[in-house]
Amino acid sequence: MSQCQILVLDEADKLLSMDYQQPLDKIISFLPSDRQILLYSATFPVAIRGFMVNTVTDTLIVYLYLMPAILNCYGFL
């Protein structure tokens, strides 16, 4: 684990719930301090914000928004 440079958390809102917080903290403690953590989530609850403040440095947040016209074009509306 000390060689792991990137940790990817898909469905981060679920993985950062209280059920997973302790095991996740343990895993992160084994990673090098200069690791990269990628969080993917359709929602951005308070749990993710708290995790970012306490664990992640040099944060970049990307919000994706699909305009109704694009969704309609692909038959989603």
PDB file of N, CA and C in Angstrom:
ATOM      1  N   MET A   1       0.825  -1.201   0.000  1.00  0.00           N
ATOM      2  CA  MET A   1       0.000   0.000   0.000  1.00  0.00           C
ATOM      3  C   MET A   1       0.868   1.263   0.000  1.00  0.00           C
ATOM      4  N   SER A   2       2.059   1.178   0.504  1.00  0.00           N
ATOM      5  CA  SER A   2       2.906   2.374   0.575  1.00  0.00           C
ATOM      6  C   SER A   2       3.331   2.869  -0.802  1.00  0.00           C
ATOM      7  N   GLN A   3       3.171   2.048  -1.830  1.00  0.00           N
ATOM      8  CA  GLN A   3       3.505   2.434  -3.199  1.00  0.00           C
ATOM      9  C   GLN A   3       2.301   2.951  -3.979  1.00  0.00           C
ATOM     10  N   CYS A   4       1.121   2.852  -3.403  1.00  0.00           N
ATOM     11  CA  CYS A   4      -0.115   3.260  -4.080  1.00  0.00           C
ATOM     12  C   CYS A   4      -0.176   4.785  -4.165  1.00  0.00           C
ATOM     13  N   GLN A   5      -0.249   5.294  -5.368  1.00  0.00           N
ATOM     14  CA  GLN A   5      -0.266   6.741  -5.566  1.00  0.00           C
ATOM     15  C   GLN A   5      -1.661   7.309  -5.784  1.00  0.00           C
ATOM     16  N   ILE A   6      -2.617   6.454  -6.184  1.00  0.00           N
ATOM     17  CA  ILE A   6      -3.961   6.933  -6.496  1.00  0.00           C
ATOM     18  C   ILE A   6      -4.997   6.036  -5.831  1.00  0.00           C
ATOM     19  N   LEU A   7      -5.927   6.660  -5.123  1.00  0.00           N
ATOM     20  CA  LEU A   7      -7.073   5.963  -4.534  1.00  0.00           C
ATOM     21  C   LEU A   7      -8.323   6.513  -5.205  1.00  0.00           C
ATOM     22  N   VAL A   8      -9.116   5.634  -5.802  1.00  0.00           N
ATOM     23  CA  VAL A   8     -10.336   6.038  -6.495  1.00  0.00           C
ATOM     24  C   VAL A   8     -11.539   5.573  -5.693  1.00  0.00           C
ATOM     25  N   LEU A   9     -12.422   6.502  -5.359  1.00  0.00           N
ATOM     26  CA  LEU A   9     -13.647   6.178  -4.634  1.00  0.00           C
ATOM     27  C   LEU A   9     -14.838   6.506  -5.524  1.00  0.00           C
ATOM     28  N   ASP A  10     -15.409   5.468  -6.124  1.00  0.00           N
ATOM     29  CA  ASP A  10     -16.627   5.644  -6.915  1.00  0.00           C
ATOM     30  C   ASP A  10     -17.806   5.526  -5.964  1.00  0.00           C
ATOM     31  N   GLU A  11     -18.862   6.242  -6.233  1.00  0.00           N
ATOM     32  CA  GLU A  11     -19.999   6.313  -5.304  1.00  0.00           C
ATOM     33  C   GLU A  11     -19.496   6.793  -3.934  1.00  0.00           C
ATOM     34  N   ALA A  12     -18.690   7.846  -3.967  1.00  0.00           N
ATOM     35  CA  ALA A  12     -18.035   8.345  -2.754  1.00  0.00           C
ATOM     36  C   ALA A  12     -19.027   8.713  -1.663  1.00  0.00           C
ATOM     37  N   ASP A  13     -20.215   9.167  -2.046  1.00  0.00           N
ATOM     38  CA  ASP A  13     -21.202   9.513  -1.020  1.00  0.00           C
ATOM     39  C   ASP A  13     -21.575   8.296  -0.179  1.00  0.00           C
ATOM     40  N   LYS A  14     -21.588   7.117  -0.772  1.00  0.00           N
ATOM     41  CA  LYS A  14     -21.890   5.880  -0.024  1.00  0.00           C
ATOM     42  C   LYS A  14     -20.673   5.422   0.792  1.00  0.00           C
ATOM     43  N   LEU A  15     -19.497   5.482   0.166  1.00  0.00           N
ATOM     44  CA  LEU A  15     -18.282   5.018   0.838  1.00  0.00           C
ATOM     45  C   LEU A  15     -17.867   5.907   2.001  1.00  0.00           C
ATOM     46  N   LEU A  16     -18.323   7.148   2.020  1.00  0.00           N
ATOM     47  CA  LEU A  16     -17.978   8.047   3.110  1.00  0.00           C
ATOM     48  C   LEU A  16     -19.044   8.095   4.195  1.00  0.00           C
ATOM     49  N   SER A  17     -19.989   7.174   4.124  1.00  0.00           N
ATOM     50  CA  SER A  17     -20.990   7.082   5.187  1.00  0.00           C
ATOM     51  C   SER A  17     -20.329   6.511   6.442  1.00  0.00           C
ATOM     52  N   MET A  18     -21.012   6.592   7.551  1.00  0.00           N
ATOM     53  CA  MET A  18     -20.463   6.120   8.826  1.00  0.00           C
ATOM     54  C   MET A  18     -20.102   4.631   8.779  1.00  0.00           C
ATOM     55  N   ASP A  19     -20.812   3.844   7.962  1.00  0.00           N
ATOM     56  CA  ASP A  19     -20.535   2.409   7.868  1.00  0.00           C
ATOM     57  C   ASP A  19     -19.133   2.112   7.352  1.00  0.00           C
ATOM     58  N   TYR A  20     -18.635   2.954   6.491  1.00  0.00           N
ATOM     59  CA  TYR A  20     -17.340   2.707   5.850  1.00  0.00           C
ATOM     60  C   TYR A  20     -16.233   3.629   6.330  1.00  0.00           C
ATOM     61  N   GLN A  21     -16.550   4.611   7.149  1.00  0.00           N
ATOM     62  CA  GLN A  21     -15.573   5.631   7.514  1.00  0.00           C
ATOM     63  C   GLN A  21     -14.332   5.056   8.205  1.00  0.00           C
ATOM     64  N   GLN A  22     -14.517   4.196   9.178  1.00  0.00           N
ATOM     65  CA  GLN A  22     -13.358   3.650   9.908  1.00  0.00           C
ATOM     66  C   GLN A  22     -12.455   2.794   9.008  1.00  0.00           C
ATOM     67  N   PRO A  23     -13.007   1.849   8.222  1.00  0.00           N
ATOM     68  CA  PRO A  23     -12.117   1.087   7.328  1.00  0.00           C
ATOM     69  C   PRO A  23     -11.419   1.969   6.289  1.00  0.00           C
ATOM     70  N   LEU A  24     -12.132   2.973   5.789  1.00  0.00           N
ATOM     71  CA  LEU A  24     -11.535   3.861   4.799  1.00  0.00           C
ATOM     72  C   LEU A  24     -10.396   4.683   5.412  1.00  0.00           C
ATOM     73  N   ASP A  25     -10.597   5.181   6.615  1.00  0.00           N
ATOM     74  CA  ASP A  25      -9.527   5.912   7.312  1.00  0.00           C
ATOM     75  C   ASP A  25      -8.304   5.020   7.501  1.00  0.00           C
ATOM     76  N   LYS A  26      -8.515   3.760   7.815  1.00  0.00           N
ATOM     77  CA  LYS A  26      -7.410   2.809   8.010  1.00  0.00           C
ATOM     78  C   LYS A  26      -6.647   2.607   6.703  1.00  0.00           C
ATOM     79  N   ILE A  27      -7.381   2.414   5.611  1.00  0.00           N
ATOM     80  CA  ILE A  27      -6.739   2.238   4.307  1.00  0.00           C
ATOM     81  C   ILE A  27      -5.911   3.467   3.952  1.00  0.00           C
ATOM     82  N   ILE A  28      -6.485   4.641   4.124  1.00  0.00           N
ATOM     83  CA  ILE A  28      -5.777   5.884   3.782  1.00  0.00           C
ATOM     84  C   ILE A  28      -4.529   6.069   4.639  1.00  0.00           C
ATOM     85  N   SER A  29      -4.556   5.589   5.869  1.00  0.00           N
ATOM     86  CA  SER A  29      -3.384   5.731   6.744  1.00  0.00           C
ATOM     87  C   SER A  29      -2.169   4.962   6.213  1.00  0.00           C
ATOM     88  N   PHE A  30      -2.388   3.958   5.380  1.00  0.00           N
ATOM     89  CA  PHE A  30      -1.290   3.185   4.802  1.00  0.00           C
ATOM     90  C   PHE A  30      -0.744   3.785   3.505  1.00  0.00           C
ATOM     91  N   LEU A  31      -1.436   4.762   2.957  1.00  0.00           N
ATOM     92  CA  LEU A  31      -1.014   5.364   1.696  1.00  0.00           C
ATOM     93  C   LEU A  31       0.025   6.442   1.943  1.00  0.00           C
ATOM     94  N   PRO A  32       0.867   6.721   0.949  1.00  0.00           N
ATOM     95  CA  PRO A  32       1.845   7.802   1.111  1.00  0.00           C
ATOM     96  C   PRO A  32       1.144   9.157   1.223  1.00  0.00           C
ATOM     97  N   SER A  33       1.799  10.104   1.843  1.00  0.00           N
ATOM     98  CA  SER A  33       1.178  11.418   2.068  1.00  0.00           C
ATOM     99  C   SER A  33       0.953  12.190   0.770  1.00  0.00           C
ATOM    100  N   ASP A  34       1.707  11.868  -0.281  1.00  0.00           N
ATOM    101  CA  ASP A  34       1.549  12.583  -1.556  1.00  0.00           C
ATOM    102  C   ASP A  34       0.630  11.843  -2.529  1.00  0.00           C
ATOM    103  N   ARG A  35      -0.261  11.009  -1.989  1.00  0.00           N
ATOM    104  CA  ARG A  35      -1.186  10.250  -2.845  1.00  0.00           C
ATOM    105  C   ARG A  35      -2.239  11.170  -3.445  1.00  0.00           C
ATOM    106  N   GLN A  36      -2.894  10.658  -4.473  1.00  0.00           N
ATOM    107  CA  GLN A  36      -3.999  11.370  -5.099  1.00  0.00           C
ATOM    108  C   GLN A  36      -5.272  10.591  -4.790  1.00  0.00           C
ATOM    109  N   ILE A  37      -6.325  11.306  -4.372  1.00  0.00           N
ATOM    110  CA  ILE A  37      -7.609  10.663  -4.085  1.00  0.00           C
ATOM    111  C   ILE A  37      -8.640  11.244  -5.043  1.00  0.00           C
ATOM    112  N   LEU A  38      -9.274  10.357  -5.816  1.00  0.00           N
ATOM    113  CA  LEU A  38     -10.304  10.763  -6.757  1.00  0.00           C
ATOM    114  C   LEU A  38     -11.653  10.333  -6.205  1.00  0.00           C
ATOM    115  N   LEU A  39     -12.569  11.279  -6.069  1.00  0.00           N
ATOM    116  CA  LEU A  39     -13.917  11.005  -5.551  1.00  0.00           C
ATOM    117  C   LEU A  39     -14.923  11.207  -6.668  1.00  0.00           C
ATOM    118  N   TYR A  40     -15.744  10.188  -6.896  1.00  0.00           N
ATOM    119  CA  TYR A  40     -16.809  10.288  -7.894  1.00  0.00           C
ATOM    120  C   TYR A  40     -18.139  10.087  -7.198  1.00  0.00           C
ATOM    121  N   SER A  41     -19.066  10.992  -7.454  1.00  0.00           N
ATOM    122  CA  SER A  41     -20.370  10.903  -6.815  1.00  0.00           C
ATOM    123  C   SER A  41     -21.384  11.719  -7.610  1.00  0.00           C
ATOM    124  N   ALA A  42     -22.596  11.192  -7.730  1.00  0.00           N
ATOM    125  CA  ALA A  42     -23.667  11.936  -8.393  1.00  0.00           C
ATOM    126  C   ALA A  42     -24.191  13.039  -7.486  1.00  0.00           C
ATOM    127  N   THR A  43     -24.026  12.869  -6.189  1.00  0.00           N
ATOM    128  CA  THR A  43     -24.436  13.878  -5.217  1.00  0.00           C
ATOM    129  C   THR A  43     -23.210  14.334  -4.442  1.00  0.00           C
ATOM    130  N   PHE A  44     -23.339  15.431  -3.745  1.00  0.00           N
ATOM    131  CA  PHE A  44     -22.201  16.000  -3.014  1.00  0.00           C
ATOM    132  C   PHE A  44     -22.636  16.350  -1.595  1.00  0.00           C
ATOM    133  N   PRO A  45     -22.891  15.320  -0.764  1.00  0.00           N
ATOM    134  CA  PRO A  45     -23.392  15.570   0.592  1.00  0.00           C
ATOM    135  C   PRO A  45     -22.311  16.106   1.530  1.00  0.00           C
ATOM    136  N   VAL A  46     -22.742  16.456   2.704  1.00  0.00           N
ATOM    137  CA  VAL A  46     -21.849  17.006   3.731  1.00  0.00           C
ATOM    138  C   VAL A  46     -20.701  16.043   4.043  1.00  0.00           C
ATOM    139  N   ALA A  47     -20.944  14.744   4.001  1.00  0.00           N
ATOM    140  CA  ALA A  47     -19.893  13.757   4.303  1.00  0.00           C
ATOM    141  C   ALA A  47     -18.696  13.914   3.374  1.00  0.00           C
ATOM    142  N   ILE A  48     -18.953  14.198   2.114  1.00  0.00           N
ATOM    143  CA  ILE A  48     -17.852  14.366   1.164  1.00  0.00           C
ATOM    144  C   ILE A  48     -17.102  15.652   1.456  1.00  0.00           C
ATOM    145  N   ARG A  49     -17.821  16.721   1.754  1.00  0.00           N
ATOM    146  CA  ARG A  49     -17.154  17.992   2.078  1.00  0.00           C
ATOM    147  C   ARG A  49     -16.258  17.838   3.304  1.00  0.00           C
ATOM    148  N   GLY A  50     -16.769  17.169   4.342  1.00  0.00           N
ATOM    149  CA  GLY A  50     -15.976  16.949   5.549  1.00  0.00           C
ATOM    150  C   GLY A  50     -14.739  16.126   5.278  1.00  0.00           C
ATOM    151  N   PHE A  51     -14.882  15.094   4.471  1.00  0.00           N
ATOM    152  CA  PHE A  51     -13.750  14.245   4.101  1.00  0.00           C
ATOM    153  C   PHE A  51     -12.697  15.057   3.356  1.00  0.00           C
ATOM    154  N   MET A  52     -13.138  15.890   2.439  1.00  0.00           N
ATOM    155  CA  MET A  52     -12.204  16.696   1.664  1.00  0.00           C
ATOM    156  C   MET A  52     -11.435  17.668   2.545  1.00  0.00           C
ATOM    157  N   VAL A  53     -12.109  18.293   3.477  1.00  0.00           N
ATOM    158  CA  VAL A  53     -11.453  19.250   4.367  1.00  0.00           C
ATOM    159  C   VAL A  53     -10.384  18.556   5.209  1.00  0.00           C
ATOM    160  N   ASN A  54     -10.676  17.341   5.680  1.00  0.00           N
ATOM    161  CA  ASN A  54      -9.768  16.645   6.585  1.00  0.00           C
ATOM    162  C   ASN A  54      -8.716  15.793   5.894  1.00  0.00           C
ATOM    163  N   THR A  55      -8.911  15.423   4.627  1.00  0.00           N
ATOM    164  CA  THR A  55      -8.057  14.419   3.999  1.00  0.00           C
ATOM    165  C   THR A  55      -7.419  14.859   2.692  1.00  0.00           C
ATOM    166  N   VAL A  56      -8.101  15.665   1.921  1.00  0.00           N
ATOM    167  CA  VAL A  56      -7.658  15.977   0.567  1.00  0.00           C
ATOM    168  C   VAL A  56      -7.035  17.369   0.519  1.00  0.00           C
ATOM    169  N   THR A  57      -5.920  17.485  -0.206  1.00  0.00           N
ATOM    170  CA  THR A  57      -5.290  18.791  -0.420  1.00  0.00           C
ATOM    171  C   THR A  57      -5.362  19.137  -1.899  1.00  0.00           C
ATOM    172  N   ASP A  58      -5.219  20.393  -2.229  1.00  0.00           N
ATOM    173  CA  ASP A  58      -5.267  20.861  -3.620  1.00  0.00           C
ATOM    174  C   ASP A  58      -6.506  20.329  -4.337  1.00  0.00           C
ATOM    175  N   THR A  59      -7.661  20.620  -3.770  1.00  0.00           N
ATOM    176  CA  THR A  59      -8.927  20.092  -4.259  1.00  0.00           C
ATOM    177  C   THR A  59      -9.347  20.742  -5.571  1.00  0.00           C
ATOM    178  N   LEU A  60      -9.839  19.914  -6.480  1.00  0.00           N
ATOM    179  CA  LEU A  60     -10.453  20.379  -7.716  1.00  0.00           C
ATOM    180  C   LEU A  60     -11.823  19.722  -7.800  1.00  0.00           C
ATOM    181  N   ILE A  61     -12.860  20.523  -7.915  1.00  0.00           N
ATOM    182  CA  ILE A  61     -14.226  20.008  -7.989  1.00  0.00           C
ATOM    183  C   ILE A  61     -14.760  20.273  -9.381  1.00  0.00           C
ATOM    184  N   VAL A  62     -15.302  19.236 -10.015  1.00  0.00           N
ATOM    185  CA  VAL A  62     -15.878  19.351 -11.346  1.00  0.00           C
ATOM    186  C   VAL A  62     -17.356  18.998 -11.250  1.00  0.00           C
ATOM    187  N   TYR A  63     -18.199  19.933 -11.640  1.00  0.00           N
ATOM    188  CA  TYR A  63     -19.642  19.698 -11.680  1.00  0.00           C
ATOM    189  C   TYR A  63     -20.053  19.504 -13.128  1.00  0.00           C
ATOM    190  N   LEU A  64     -20.814  18.471 -13.379  1.00  0.00           N
ATOM    191  CA  LEU A  64     -21.328  18.237 -14.723  1.00  0.00           C
ATOM    192  C   LEU A  64     -22.820  18.502 -14.726  1.00  0.00           C
ATOM    193  N   TYR A  65     -23.257  19.214 -15.725  1.00  0.00           N
ATOM    194  CA  TYR A  65     -24.666  19.521 -15.854  1.00  0.00           C
ATOM    195  C   TYR A  65     -25.058  19.301 -17.305  1.00  0.00           C
ATOM    196  N   LEU A  66     -26.043  18.463 -17.524  1.00  0.00           N
ATOM    197  CA  LEU A  66     -26.527  18.232 -18.876  1.00  0.00           C
ATOM    198  C   LEU A  66     -27.759  19.091 -19.129  1.00  0.00           C
ATOM    199  N   MET A  67     -27.690  19.906 -20.137  1.00  0.00           N
ATOM    200  CA  MET A  67     -28.812  20.777 -20.471  1.00  0.00           C
ATOM    201  C   MET A  67     -29.982  19.935 -20.982  1.00  0.00           C
ATOM    202  N   PRO A  68     -31.194  20.375 -20.703  1.00  0.00           N
ATOM    203  CA  PRO A  68     -32.367  19.632 -21.169  1.00  0.00           C
ATOM    204  C   PRO A  68     -32.355  19.350 -22.665  1.00  0.00           C
ATOM    205  N   ALA A  69     -31.833  20.261 -23.478  1.00  0.00           N
ATOM    206  CA  ALA A  69     -31.799  20.047 -24.931  1.00  0.00           C
ATOM    207  C   ALA A  69     -30.940  18.835 -25.286  1.00  0.00           C
ATOM    208  N   ILE A  70     -29.833  18.667 -24.586  1.00  0.00           N
ATOM    209  CA  ILE A  70     -28.957  17.522 -24.839  1.00  0.00           C
ATOM    210  C   ILE A  70     -29.635  16.232 -24.393  1.00  0.00           C
ATOM    211  N   LEU A  71     -30.262  16.261 -23.234  1.00  0.00           N
ATOM    212  CA  LEU A  71     -30.960  15.074 -22.739  1.00  0.00           C
ATOM    213  C   LEU A  71     -32.092  14.683 -23.688  1.00  0.00           C
ATOM    214  N   ASN A  72     -32.803  15.655 -24.232  1.00  0.00           N
ATOM    215  CA  ASN A  72     -33.891  15.410 -25.163  1.00  0.00           C
ATOM    216  C   ASN A  72     -33.365  14.792 -26.459  1.00  0.00           C
ATOM    217  N   CYS A  73     -32.233  15.265 -26.915  1.00  0.00           N
ATOM    218  CA  CYS A  73     -31.611  14.768 -28.138  1.00  0.00           C
ATOM    219  C   CYS A  73     -31.330  13.266 -28.036  1.00  0.00           C
ATOM    220  N   TYR A  74     -30.947  12.809 -26.866  1.00  0.00           N
ATOM    221  CA  TYR A  74     -30.630  11.393 -26.656  1.00  0.00           C
ATOM    222  C   TYR A  74     -31.818  10.586 -26.138  1.00  0.00           C
ATOM    223  N   GLY A  75     -32.972  11.213 -26.081  1.00  0.00           N
ATOM    224  CA  GLY A  75     -34.192  10.508 -25.696  1.00  0.00           C
ATOM    225  C   GLY A  75     -34.390  10.323 -24.212  1.00  0.00           C
ATOM    226  N   PHE A  76     -33.687  11.095 -23.383  1.00  0.00           N
ATOM    227  CA  PHE A  76     -33.829  10.977 -21.926  1.00  0.00           C
ATOM    228  C   PHE A  76     -34.961  11.832 -21.373  1.00  0.00           C
ATOM    229  N   LEU A  77     -35.530  12.711 -22.178  1.00  0.00           N
ATOM    230  CA  LEU A  77     -36.651  13.550 -21.716  1.00  0.00           C
ATOM    231  C   LEU A  77     -37.901  13.205 -22.487  1.00  0.00           C
TER     232      LEU A  77
END
